[in-house]
Amino acid sequence: MIVIAGALLGALIGGVTARRRKGNAADMAQYAAGFGICFALLGLIVTIAIDKMLM
């Protein structure tokens, strides 16, 4: 659940960042994908850490 939320939040932040920097649609898509992947990986690390702490 944290991974999906991180991916969606990252995509949203990436799209807004590209729009703020006056990027075109391809720039927004690339930023959204990059940020989405990054935040999903961070969410995965957090999920694994929480799982290890609870066991």
N, C-alpha and C. Protein backbone atom coordinates (compact mmCIF):
# COMPACT_ATOMS: atom_id res chain seq x y z
N MET A 1 0.82 -1.19 0.00
CA MET A 1 0.00 0.00 0.00
C MET A 1 0.87 1.26 0.00
N ILE A 2 1.94 1.22 0.77
CA ILE A 2 2.84 2.37 0.83
C ILE A 2 3.53 2.56 -0.52
N VAL A 3 3.85 1.46 -1.19
CA VAL A 3 4.53 1.53 -2.48
C VAL A 3 3.63 2.21 -3.52
N ILE A 4 2.36 1.83 -3.56
CA ILE A 4 1.42 2.42 -4.52
C ILE A 4 1.21 3.89 -4.22
N ALA A 5 1.04 4.22 -2.95
CA ALA A 5 0.85 5.62 -2.57
C ALA A 5 2.09 6.44 -2.93
N GLY A 6 3.27 5.88 -2.72
CA GLY A 6 4.50 6.57 -3.08
C GLY A 6 4.62 6.80 -4.57
N ALA A 7 4.24 5.80 -5.36
CA ALA A 7 4.31 5.93 -6.82
C ALA A 7 3.35 7.01 -7.31
N LEU A 8 2.15 7.03 -6.78
CA LEU A 8 1.17 8.04 -7.20
C LEU A 8 1.59 9.43 -6.76
N LEU A 9 2.07 9.54 -5.54
CA LEU A 9 2.52 10.84 -5.04
C LEU A 9 3.73 11.33 -5.84
N GLY A 10 4.64 10.44 -6.14
CA GLY A 10 5.82 10.80 -6.92
C GLY A 10 5.45 11.25 -8.33
N ALA A 11 4.51 10.55 -8.95
CA ALA A 11 4.08 10.94 -10.30
C ALA A 11 3.43 12.32 -10.28
N LEU A 12 2.64 12.57 -9.26
CA LEU A 12 1.99 13.88 -9.14
C LEU A 12 3.03 14.99 -8.93
N ILE A 13 3.96 14.76 -8.05
CA ILE A 13 5.00 15.76 -7.79
C ILE A 13 5.87 15.96 -9.04
N GLY A 14 6.19 14.88 -9.73
CA GLY A 14 6.99 14.99 -10.95
C GLY A 14 6.29 15.79 -12.03
N GLY A 15 5.01 15.53 -12.22
CA GLY A 15 4.25 16.29 -13.22
C GLY A 15 4.17 17.77 -12.89
N VAL A 16 3.94 18.06 -11.63
CA VAL A 16 3.86 19.47 -11.21
C VAL A 16 5.22 20.15 -11.36
N THR A 17 6.28 19.44 -11.03
CA THR A 17 7.63 20.00 -11.16
C THR A 17 7.94 20.33 -12.61
N ALA A 18 7.62 19.43 -13.51
CA ALA A 18 7.89 19.67 -14.94
C ALA A 18 7.04 20.83 -15.46
N ARG A 19 5.79 20.90 -15.01
CA ARG A 19 4.93 22.01 -15.46
C ARG A 19 5.46 23.34 -14.95
N ARG A 20 5.94 23.35 -13.71
CA ARG A 20 6.47 24.58 -13.12
C ARG A 20 7.73 25.05 -13.86
N ARG A 21 8.47 24.09 -14.41
CA ARG A 21 9.69 24.42 -15.16
C ARG A 21 9.40 24.66 -16.64
N LYS A 22 8.13 24.82 -16.99
CA LYS A 22 7.68 25.11 -18.36
C LYS A 22 8.00 23.99 -19.34
N GLY A 23 7.84 22.74 -18.91
CA GLY A 23 8.11 21.61 -19.78
C GLY A 23 6.90 21.26 -20.63
N ASN A 24 7.15 20.58 -21.74
CA ASN A 24 6.05 20.13 -22.59
C ASN A 24 5.51 18.80 -22.07
N ALA A 25 4.61 18.18 -22.81
CA ALA A 25 3.95 16.96 -22.34
C ALA A 25 4.95 15.82 -22.14
N ALA A 26 5.93 15.72 -23.04
CA ALA A 26 6.93 14.66 -22.90
C ALA A 26 7.77 14.86 -21.64
N ASP A 27 8.11 16.10 -21.34
CA ASP A 27 8.87 16.39 -20.12
C ASP A 27 8.06 16.01 -18.89
N MET A 28 6.77 16.36 -18.90
CA MET A 28 5.92 16.03 -17.76
C MET A 28 5.81 14.52 -17.57
N ALA A 29 5.69 13.78 -18.68
CA ALA A 29 5.60 12.33 -18.58
C ALA A 29 6.90 11.74 -18.04
N GLN A 30 8.02 12.26 -18.51
CA GLN A 30 9.31 11.74 -18.05
C GLN A 30 9.54 12.05 -16.58
N TYR A 31 9.25 13.25 -16.16
CA TYR A 31 9.39 13.61 -14.75
C TYR A 31 8.45 12.78 -13.88
N ALA A 32 7.21 12.61 -14.34
CA ALA A 32 6.24 11.83 -13.57
C ALA A 32 6.72 10.39 -13.43
N ALA A 33 7.25 9.80 -14.50
CA ALA A 33 7.74 8.42 -14.42
C ALA A 33 8.96 8.33 -13.50
N GLY A 34 9.87 9.24 -13.64
CA GLY A 34 11.08 9.22 -12.82
C GLY A 34 10.78 9.39 -11.34
N PHE A 35 9.99 10.38 -11.02
CA PHE A 35 9.64 10.62 -9.62
C PHE A 35 8.79 9.47 -9.08
N GLY A 36 7.90 8.95 -9.92
CA GLY A 36 7.06 7.83 -9.49
C GLY A 36 7.88 6.61 -9.13
N ILE A 37 8.87 6.27 -9.96
CA ILE A 37 9.74 5.14 -9.69
C ILE A 37 10.56 5.38 -8.42
N CYS A 38 11.08 6.58 -8.27
CA CYS A 38 11.89 6.91 -7.10
C CYS A 38 11.08 6.79 -5.81
N PHE A 39 9.88 7.36 -5.81
CA PHE A 39 9.06 7.32 -4.60
C PHE A 39 8.56 5.91 -4.33
N ALA A 40 8.31 5.12 -5.37
CA ALA A 40 7.89 3.74 -5.18
C ALA A 40 9.02 2.93 -4.53
N LEU A 41 10.25 3.15 -4.97
CA LEU A 41 11.38 2.46 -4.35
C LEU A 41 11.56 2.87 -2.89
N LEU A 42 11.38 4.14 -2.61
CA LEU A 42 11.46 4.59 -1.21
C LEU A 42 10.34 3.95 -0.38
N GLY A 43 9.16 3.86 -0.96
CA GLY A 43 8.05 3.20 -0.26
C GLY A 43 8.33 1.73 -0.02
N LEU A 44 8.98 1.07 -0.97
CA LEU A 44 9.34 -0.33 -0.80
C LEU A 44 10.33 -0.50 0.34
N ILE A 45 11.31 0.38 0.42
CA ILE A 45 12.29 0.32 1.50
C ILE A 45 11.62 0.54 2.85
N VAL A 46 10.72 1.51 2.91
CA VAL A 46 9.99 1.77 4.16
C VAL A 46 9.14 0.57 4.54
N THR A 47 8.48 -0.04 3.57
CA THR A 47 7.65 -1.22 3.85
C THR A 47 8.49 -2.36 4.38
N ILE A 48 9.64 -2.62 3.77
CA ILE A 48 10.52 -3.69 4.24
C ILE A 48 11.03 -3.39 5.65
N ALA A 49 11.39 -2.13 5.89
CA ALA A 49 11.88 -1.75 7.22
C ALA A 49 10.80 -1.96 8.29
N ILE A 50 9.58 -1.56 7.98
CA ILE A 50 8.48 -1.74 8.94
C ILE A 50 8.24 -3.22 9.18
N ASP A 51 8.27 -4.03 8.11
CA ASP A 51 8.06 -5.46 8.26
C ASP A 51 9.14 -6.10 9.12
N LYS A 52 10.37 -5.70 8.92
CA LYS A 52 11.48 -6.27 9.71
C LYS A 52 11.39 -5.86 11.18
N MET A 53 10.92 -4.63 11.43
CA MET A 53 10.82 -4.16 12.81
C MET A 53 9.70 -4.87 13.56
N LEU A 54 8.65 -5.27 12.88
CA LEU A 54 7.51 -5.90 13.53
C LEU A 54 7.70 -7.40 13.73
N MET A 55 8.71 -7.97 13.10
CA MET A 55 8.91 -9.43 13.24
C MET A 55 9.92 -9.74 14.29
